Protein backbone atom coordinates (compact mmCIF):
# COMPACT_ATOMS: atom_id res chain seq x y z
CA MET A 1 -59.16 12.84 -23.26
CA LYS A 2 -60.37 10.67 -20.55
CA LYS A 3 -58.49 7.78 -22.34
CA PHE A 4 -55.43 9.79 -22.58
CA THR A 5 -55.78 10.66 -18.60
CA ILE A 6 -55.67 7.00 -17.88
CA ILE A 7 -52.92 5.98 -19.76
CA ILE A 8 -51.01 8.81 -18.09
CA PHE A 9 -52.08 7.59 -14.91
CA THR A 10 -51.08 4.10 -15.42
CA PHE A 11 -47.70 4.99 -16.68
CA LEU A 12 -47.07 6.78 -13.51
CA LEU A 13 -48.45 4.06 -11.42
CA VAL A 14 -45.97 1.38 -13.05
CA ALA A 15 -43.25 4.10 -12.90
CA SER A 16 -44.24 4.11 -9.07
CA CYS A 17 -43.90 0.44 -8.34
CA LYS A 18 -40.69 0.36 -10.26
CA ASN A 19 -39.22 2.78 -7.88
CA ASP A 20 -40.65 1.32 -5.00
CA ASP A 21 -39.04 -1.99 -6.08
CA GLY A 22 -35.67 -0.68 -6.60
CA ASP A 23 -35.90 0.80 -2.88
CA SER A 24 -36.55 -2.44 -1.54
CA SER A 25 -34.04 -4.10 -3.26
CA GLU A 26 -31.19 -2.27 -1.97
CA PRO A 27 -29.12 -3.74 0.15
CA THR A 28 -29.22 -3.95 3.99
CA PHE A 29 -26.59 -4.38 6.63
CA GLY A 30 -26.49 -5.88 10.36
CA ASN A 31 -24.19 -6.10 13.39
CA ILE A 32 -22.53 -9.51 14.50
CA THR A 33 -20.62 -10.07 17.66
CA LEU A 34 -17.83 -12.84 17.69
CA ASP A 35 -17.63 -14.03 21.33
CA PHE A 36 -14.63 -15.96 22.18
CA LYS A 37 -14.22 -18.33 25.06
CA ASN A 38 -11.14 -19.54 26.15
CA THR A 39 -11.43 -23.25 27.78
CA ILE A 40 -9.43 -26.13 28.73
CA ASP A 41 -11.89 -29.55 29.30
CA ASN A 42 -14.73 -27.24 28.42
CA ASN A 43 -14.58 -25.04 31.35
CA GLY A 44 -13.32 -21.58 30.98
CA ILE A 45 -9.65 -21.10 32.08
CA GLU A 46 -8.46 -19.26 35.40
CA LEU A 47 -5.51 -17.39 35.41
CA THR A 48 -2.69 -18.13 37.98
CA THR A 49 -4.98 -20.28 40.09
CA ASP A 50 -6.00 -23.28 38.16
CA ILE A 51 -3.97 -26.16 37.68
CA TYR A 52 -3.99 -28.18 34.47
CA THR A 53 -2.10 -31.39 32.96
CA ASN A 54 -0.70 -31.73 29.42
CA ARG A 55 -0.26 -35.05 27.57
CA SER A 56 3.28 -35.10 28.54
CA GLY A 57 2.39 -35.46 32.23
CA GLU A 58 3.17 -31.99 33.24
CA ILE A 59 1.22 -29.69 35.20
CA TYR A 60 1.00 -25.93 34.44
CA LYS A 61 -0.47 -22.94 35.28
CA ILE A 62 -1.65 -20.09 32.85
CA SER A 63 -0.73 -16.42 34.15
CA GLU A 64 -0.91 -14.65 30.73
CA LEU A 65 -2.88 -15.42 27.43
CA LYS A 66 -3.21 -12.88 24.55
CA TYR A 67 -3.48 -13.80 20.78
CA ILE A 68 -4.38 -11.87 17.33
CA ILE A 69 -7.57 -12.40 15.23
CA SER A 70 -7.71 -10.75 12.02
CA ASN A 71 -9.15 -10.96 8.41
CA VAL A 72 -12.16 -12.15 9.17
CA VAL A 73 -14.61 -13.43 6.31
CA LEU A 74 -17.96 -14.73 6.33
CA ILE A 75 -18.86 -17.09 3.81
CA LYS A 76 -22.77 -18.24 2.32
CA ALA A 77 -23.65 -21.47 1.38
CA ASN A 78 -22.85 -20.68 -2.46
CA GLY A 79 -19.24 -19.58 -1.53
CA GLU A 80 -19.98 -16.00 -1.71
CA GLU A 81 -17.74 -14.18 0.90
CA PHE A 82 -18.03 -11.01 2.60
CA LYS A 83 -14.42 -9.53 3.84
CA TYR A 84 -14.36 -7.26 6.79
CA PRO A 85 -12.55 -4.27 6.03
CA VAL A 86 -8.87 -5.19 6.61
CA ASP A 87 -7.68 -1.78 8.07
CA GLU A 88 -10.30 -2.16 10.76
CA GLY A 89 -9.99 -6.14 11.26
CA TYR A 90 -7.29 -6.71 13.80
CA PHE A 91 -8.30 -7.51 17.48
CA LEU A 92 -6.70 -8.68 20.35
CA ILE A 93 -8.04 -11.31 22.44
CA ASN A 94 -6.69 -10.94 26.08
CA GLU A 95 -7.81 -13.29 28.75
CA GLU A 96 -7.60 -10.88 31.47
CA VAL A 97 -9.55 -8.17 29.79
CA VAL A 98 -13.37 -9.34 29.35
CA ASP A 99 -14.60 -7.01 26.62
CA SER A 100 -11.50 -7.97 24.26
CA LYS A 101 -13.40 -11.07 23.94
CA ASN A 102 -16.27 -9.70 22.29
CA ILE A 103 -15.35 -8.77 18.77
CA SER A 104 -18.30 -6.53 17.25
CA LEU A 105 -18.31 -6.20 13.36
CA ALA A 106 -20.78 -3.53 11.92
CA ASP A 107 -22.38 -2.97 8.50
CA ILE A 108 -22.46 -6.92 7.62
CA PRO A 109 -24.34 -7.30 4.16
CA SER A 110 -27.57 -9.12 4.91
CA GLY A 111 -27.84 -12.74 3.83
CA GLU A 112 -27.38 -16.30 5.28
CA TYR A 113 -24.02 -17.30 6.09
CA THR A 114 -22.70 -21.04 6.64
CA LYS A 115 -18.94 -20.44 7.56
CA ILE A 116 -16.42 -18.09 9.01
CA LYS A 117 -12.88 -17.63 8.15
CA PHE A 118 -10.19 -15.81 10.33
CA GLY A 119 -6.49 -15.53 10.53
CA ILE A 120 -4.55 -16.08 13.92
CA GLY A 121 -1.58 -13.10 13.71
CA VAL A 122 -0.59 -10.78 11.00
CA ASP A 123 -0.46 -11.65 7.41
CA GLN A 124 2.43 -11.09 5.09
CA SER A 125 0.76 -8.18 3.58
CA LYS A 126 0.64 -6.10 6.66
CA TYR A 127 3.84 -7.48 7.91
CA PRO A 128 6.06 -6.36 10.21
CA LEU A 129 4.45 -3.15 10.53
CA ASN A 130 2.60 -1.91 7.40
CA GLY A 131 -0.78 -0.11 7.08
CA MET A 132 -1.89 -0.80 10.76
CA ALA A 133 -1.86 2.62 12.36
CA ASN A 134 -4.68 1.78 14.53
CA PHE A 135 -3.81 -1.50 15.84
CA ILE A 136 0.02 -0.70 16.57
CA PRO A 137 -0.77 1.17 19.72
CA THR A 138 -2.92 -1.72 21.16
CA ALA A 139 -0.56 -4.24 20.27
CA GLU A 140 2.70 -2.17 21.92
CA GLU A 141 0.78 -1.66 25.19
CA SER A 142 -0.24 -5.25 25.35
CA GLY A 143 3.49 -6.22 24.81
CA MET A 144 2.58 -7.74 21.43
CA LEU A 145 5.76 -6.59 19.78
CA TRP A 146 9.04 -7.71 19.71
CA SER A 147 11.38 -5.61 21.48
CA TRP A 148 14.20 -6.38 19.18
CA SER A 149 12.65 -6.58 16.11
CA ALA A 150 9.61 -4.81 14.03
CA GLY A 151 6.92 -7.26 14.29
CA TYR A 152 4.10 -8.83 16.08
CA LYS A 153 3.68 -11.70 18.67
CA PHE A 154 0.74 -13.57 17.52
CA ILE A 155 0.28 -15.29 20.75
CA LYS A 156 1.50 -14.45 23.96
CA PHE A 157 0.99 -17.82 26.14
CA GLU A 158 3.00 -17.61 29.87
CA GLY A 159 2.65 -19.46 33.15
CA THR A 160 4.72 -21.83 35.27
CA PHE A 161 5.02 -25.69 35.24
CA GLY A 162 5.72 -28.52 37.58
CA THR A 163 5.82 -28.76 41.27
CA SER A 164 8.65 -25.98 41.57
CA ASP A 165 6.70 -23.49 39.40
CA SER A 166 9.31 -23.11 36.81
CA PRO A 167 8.62 -20.22 34.18
CA PHE A 168 7.43 -21.26 30.73
CA LEU A 169 7.27 -18.72 27.89
CA ILE A 170 5.61 -19.28 24.31
CA HIS A 171 5.42 -16.45 22.13
CA VAL A 172 4.90 -17.25 18.17
CA GLY A 173 4.84 -14.89 15.56
CA SER A 174 6.37 -14.59 11.91
CA HIS A 175 9.88 -13.48 11.43
CA GLY A 176 10.44 -11.96 7.71
CA THR A 177 9.06 -14.19 5.04
CA ALA A 178 11.57 -16.98 5.96
CA LEU A 179 9.66 -18.21 9.16
CA ASP A 180 5.69 -17.20 8.32
CA ASN A 181 3.49 -18.38 11.31
CA TYR A 182 0.58 -16.86 10.03
CA LYS A 183 -2.63 -19.13 9.92
CA GLU A 184 -6.28 -18.82 8.68
CA VAL A 185 -8.84 -21.15 9.73
CA THR A 186 -12.24 -21.67 8.34
CA LEU A 187 -15.08 -23.04 10.72
CA ASP A 188 -18.71 -24.31 9.96
CA LEU A 189 -21.37 -22.59 11.52
CA PRO A 190 -23.64 -25.23 13.60
CA SER A 191 -26.51 -23.35 12.28
CA THR A 192 -27.06 -20.55 9.56
CA LEU A 193 -26.31 -17.07 10.20
CA THR A 194 -28.78 -14.65 9.42
CA ILE A 195 -27.69 -11.33 9.01
CA SER A 196 -30.75 -8.63 8.59
CA ALA A 197 -31.16 -5.09 8.79
CA SER A 198 -30.66 -3.18 12.40
CA LYS A 199 -30.13 -6.34 14.30
CA SER A 200 -27.35 -7.85 15.86
CA GLN A 201 -26.42 -11.31 16.16
CA GLU A 202 -23.84 -13.68 18.03
CA VAL A 203 -21.47 -16.26 17.10
CA ALA A 204 -19.68 -18.21 20.13
CA VAL A 205 -16.16 -19.21 19.33
CA ASN A 206 -14.60 -21.73 21.37
CA ALA A 207 -10.77 -21.65 22.00
CA ASP A 208 -9.40 -25.23 23.21
CA ILE A 209 -6.18 -23.79 24.92
CA ALA A 210 -4.87 -27.01 25.47
CA LYS A 211 -4.38 -27.82 22.14
CA ILE A 212 -1.44 -25.43 22.05
CA PHE A 213 0.55 -28.23 23.49
CA ASP A 214 -1.30 -31.03 22.37
CA SER A 215 -2.92 -31.33 19.01
CA THR A 216 -1.36 -31.97 15.61
CA ASN A 217 1.92 -32.10 17.38
CA THR A 218 2.84 -32.59 21.04
CA HIS A 219 4.95 -30.00 22.94
CA SER A 220 6.77 -30.83 26.12
CA LEU A 221 7.70 -27.91 28.46
CA VAL A 222 10.43 -29.98 30.00
CA THR A 223 11.80 -30.34 26.52
CA LYS A 224 11.63 -26.54 25.83
CA SER A 225 10.03 -24.07 28.10
CA ASP A 226 10.79 -20.91 26.22
CA VAL A 227 9.77 -20.95 22.71
CA GLN A 228 10.08 -17.75 20.83
CA VAL A 229 12.40 -17.80 17.74
CA ASP A 230 12.35 -21.45 16.98
CA PRO A 231 12.69 -22.64 13.18
CA VAL A 232 11.25 -25.98 14.21
CA LEU A 233 8.90 -25.77 17.33
CA ALA A 234 7.54 -22.54 16.56
CA PRO A 235 5.71 -23.66 13.32
CA GLN A 236 4.55 -26.55 15.14
CA ILE A 237 2.81 -24.91 17.81
CA ALA A 238 1.33 -22.43 15.14
CA GLU A 239 -0.19 -25.47 13.51
CA ASN A 240 -1.24 -26.82 16.84
CA ILE A 241 -3.05 -23.20 17.54
CA SER A 242 -4.87 -23.43 14.33
CA THR A 243 -6.81 -26.27 15.46
CA MET A 244 -7.95 -24.87 18.72
CA PHE A 245 -11.06 -23.23 17.30
CA SER A 246 -14.48 -24.16 16.74
CA VAL A 247 -18.00 -22.33 16.87
CA THR A 248 -20.21 -23.70 19.35
CA SER A 249 -23.34 -21.54 18.70
CA VAL A 250 -25.39 -18.84 16.49
CA THR A 251 -27.87 -16.65 18.00
CA ASN A 252 -30.08 -14.99 15.22
């Protein structure tokens, strides 16, 4: 009888250990903040006051800077990806609104991530105004919708240039499928992003605004100061914009 009791006790103990192991292996989640900083020459930009010079030798001031970030993906060293829920994953960065530059992402699966990927603008699956009820009011209130067509401005970049303070305006977006200016960028993290349960980490993302004018392509405001639906210049500027992001630090 004692032997039988010992066997039963051993069976229950093993089963209990298995249950404990199962509980410990359940996935855990954490949060991260993407902290965007818009800079020129490694300094934060100042709207309306600071004067900058592009590579064409043109001086300019910035009065408005807004752009859309979307489709955030975190990537592990082995290539495994976590895609943030698409319908919750459209964000407007507005230089005038400090809080808009801190994107909070919740319920990220725990693990170690080495890259981040995101879109600039709105991809064709959600374009022009498909299935984005939560984001459309934000875009509309911020002037990020075209008034003459159902679609988004991916970037709104305005100001003045030259000694006479002539206005410039750069609005880049997609126009149907014929002019698709949506871009995705994949950035290496300078150190591993470790997501763990109930903790919040920060990823600092720098946006070098000067590259809107000068990067893969060079854009002169004297040549054209108003770029919107331009089949040549808009794609060139969109390409420039895709090069302006980098991750400067990871805080675990």
